[in-house]
Amino acid sequence: MARGQRKTIEEKISAKQELIEALETRVASEKRELEELYQEKRRKELEVVSDIISESGLGPEEVAQVLQQYLGDREKAAS
């Protein structure tokens, strides 16, 4: 049986380079998409916190104070 023409080493190298470039482009695209998902998750978490602050009637400074007190109490309890 006759086989097709064999690729030269230069053609093989070129094909591998093209494949690697395509994969690198895909990885970069996937990383961008992942970062967008992280940002979306953070926005949703911040919305929940913002809703809690609004519902509590406390100002941002008061909320920060309450959280700092809570964290201090938790640290003392863990010791």
C-alpha atoms as a PDB file:
ATOM      1  CA  MET A   1       0.000   0.000   0.000  1.00  0.00           C
ATOM      2  CA  ALA A   2       1.217   3.433  -0.829  1.00  0.00           C
ATOM      3  CA  ARG A   3       1.478   5.860   2.011  1.00  0.00           C
ATOM      4  CA  GLY A   4       1.011   9.586   1.817  1.00  0.00           C
ATOM      5  CA  GLN A   5       4.020  11.827   1.701  1.00  0.00           C
ATOM      6  CA  ARG A   6       5.817  11.923   5.046  1.00  0.00           C
ATOM      7  CA  LYS A   7       6.157  15.236   6.816  1.00  0.00           C
ATOM      8  CA  THR A   8       9.569  16.769   7.090  1.00  0.00           C
ATOM      9  CA  ILE A   9      10.987  17.535  10.504  1.00  0.00           C
ATOM     10  CA  GLU A  10      10.450  21.243   9.801  1.00  0.00           C
ATOM     11  CA  GLU A  11       6.769  20.621   9.120  1.00  0.00           C
ATOM     12  CA  LYS A  12       6.457  18.602  12.326  1.00  0.00           C
ATOM     13  CA  ILE A  13       8.139  21.382  14.310  1.00  0.00           C
ATOM     14  CA  SER A  14       5.887  23.981  12.752  1.00  0.00           C
ATOM     15  CA  ALA A  15       2.776  21.929  13.503  1.00  0.00           C
ATOM     16  CA  LYS A  16       3.821  21.514  17.152  1.00  0.00           C
ATOM     17  CA  GLN A  17       4.525  25.230  17.477  1.00  0.00           C
ATOM     18  CA  GLU A  18       1.089  26.032  16.098  1.00  0.00           C
ATOM     19  CA  LEU A  19      -0.520  23.548  18.470  1.00  0.00           C
ATOM     20  CA  ILE A  20       1.319  25.016  21.464  1.00  0.00           C
ATOM     21  CA  GLU A  21       0.318  28.558  20.464  1.00  0.00           C
ATOM     22  CA  ALA A  22      -3.309  27.496  20.140  1.00  0.00           C
ATOM     23  CA  LEU A  23      -3.197  25.814  23.547  1.00  0.00           C
ATOM     24  CA  GLU A  24      -1.577  28.867  25.139  1.00  0.00           C
ATOM     25  CA  THR A  25      -4.320  31.051  23.676  1.00  0.00           C
ATOM     26  CA  ARG A  26      -6.935  28.681  25.068  1.00  0.00           C
ATOM     27  CA  VAL A  27      -5.302  28.646  28.515  1.00  0.00           C
ATOM     28  CA  ALA A  28      -5.203  32.462  28.559  1.00  0.00           C
ATOM     29  CA  SER A  29      -8.876  32.574  27.586  1.00  0.00           C
ATOM     30  CA  GLU A  30      -9.816  30.071  30.297  1.00  0.00           C
ATOM     31  CA  LYS A  31      -7.850  32.065  32.885  1.00  0.00           C
ATOM     32  CA  ARG A  32      -9.741  35.238  31.910  1.00  0.00           C
ATOM     33  CA  GLU A  33     -13.036  33.381  32.236  1.00  0.00           C
ATOM     34  CA  LEU A  34     -12.013  32.024  35.646  1.00  0.00           C
ATOM     35  CA  GLU A  35     -11.097  35.521  36.834  1.00  0.00           C
ATOM     36  CA  GLU A  36     -14.496  36.794  35.671  1.00  0.00           C
ATOM     37  CA  LEU A  37     -16.177  34.018  37.662  1.00  0.00           C
ATOM     38  CA  TYR A  38     -14.175  34.952  40.774  1.00  0.00           C
ATOM     39  CA  GLN A  39     -15.219  38.586  40.326  1.00  0.00           C
ATOM     40  CA  GLU A  40     -18.865  37.592  39.910  1.00  0.00           C
ATOM     41  CA  LYS A  41     -18.674  35.481  43.068  1.00  0.00           C
ATOM     42  CA  ARG A  42     -17.138  38.387  44.985  1.00  0.00           C
ATOM     43  CA  ARG A  43     -19.857  40.778  43.743  1.00  0.00           C
ATOM     44  CA  LYS A  44     -22.557  38.375  44.911  1.00  0.00           C
ATOM     45  CA  GLU A  45     -20.903  37.979  48.320  1.00  0.00           C
ATOM     46  CA  LEU A  46     -20.632  41.750  48.659  1.00  0.00           C
ATOM     47  CA  GLU A  47     -24.304  42.120  47.715  1.00  0.00           C
ATOM     48  CA  VAL A  48     -25.241  39.754  50.545  1.00  0.00           C
ATOM     49  CA  VAL A  49     -23.132  41.721  53.003  1.00  0.00           C
ATOM     50  CA  SER A  50     -24.570  44.996  51.714  1.00  0.00           C
ATOM     51  CA  ASP A  51     -28.110  43.666  52.169  1.00  0.00           C
ATOM     52  CA  ILE A  52     -27.333  42.618  55.749  1.00  0.00           C
ATOM     53  CA  ILE A  53     -25.888  46.059  56.510  1.00  0.00           C
ATOM     54  CA  SER A  54     -28.949  47.765  55.020  1.00  0.00           C
ATOM     55  CA  GLU A  55     -31.331  45.543  56.968  1.00  0.00           C
ATOM     56  CA  SER A  56     -29.457  46.089  60.236  1.00  0.00           C
ATOM     57  CA  GLY A  57     -29.781  49.851  60.075  1.00  0.00           C
ATOM     58  CA  LEU A  58     -26.142  50.197  61.090  1.00  0.00           C
ATOM     59  CA  GLY A  59     -23.656  52.359  59.277  1.00  0.00           C
ATOM     60  CA  PRO A  60     -20.528  50.924  57.678  1.00  0.00           C
ATOM     61  CA  GLU A  61     -18.334  52.148  60.546  1.00  0.00           C
ATOM     62  CA  GLU A  62     -20.603  50.505  63.101  1.00  0.00           C
ATOM     63  CA  VAL A  63     -20.572  47.251  61.156  1.00  0.00           C
ATOM     64  CA  ALA A  64     -16.759  47.349  60.986  1.00  0.00           C
ATOM     65  CA  GLN A  65     -16.636  47.930  64.739  1.00  0.00           C
ATOM     66  CA  VAL A  66     -18.979  45.006  65.417  1.00  0.00           C
ATOM     67  CA  LEU A  67     -16.893  42.728  63.196  1.00  0.00           C
ATOM     68  CA  GLN A  68     -13.661  43.778  64.865  1.00  0.00           C
ATOM     69  CA  GLN A  69     -15.180  43.085  68.273  1.00  0.00           C
ATOM     70  CA  TYR A  70     -16.419  39.697  67.084  1.00  0.00           C
ATOM     71  CA  LEU A  71     -13.016  38.762  65.688  1.00  0.00           C
ATOM     72  CA  GLY A  72     -11.309  39.838  68.905  1.00  0.00           C
ATOM     73  CA  ASP A  73     -13.737  37.767  70.983  1.00  0.00           C
ATOM     74  CA  ARG A  74     -13.235  34.770  68.714  1.00  0.00           C
ATOM     75  CA  GLU A  75      -9.456  35.065  68.982  1.00  0.00           C
ATOM     76  CA  LYS A  76      -9.682  35.147  72.779  1.00  0.00           C
ATOM     77  CA  ALA A  77     -11.959  32.099  72.795  1.00  0.00           C
ATOM     78  CA  ALA A  78      -9.541  30.158  70.571  1.00  0.00           C
ATOM     79  CA  SER A  79      -6.593  30.845  72.891  1.00  0.00           C
END
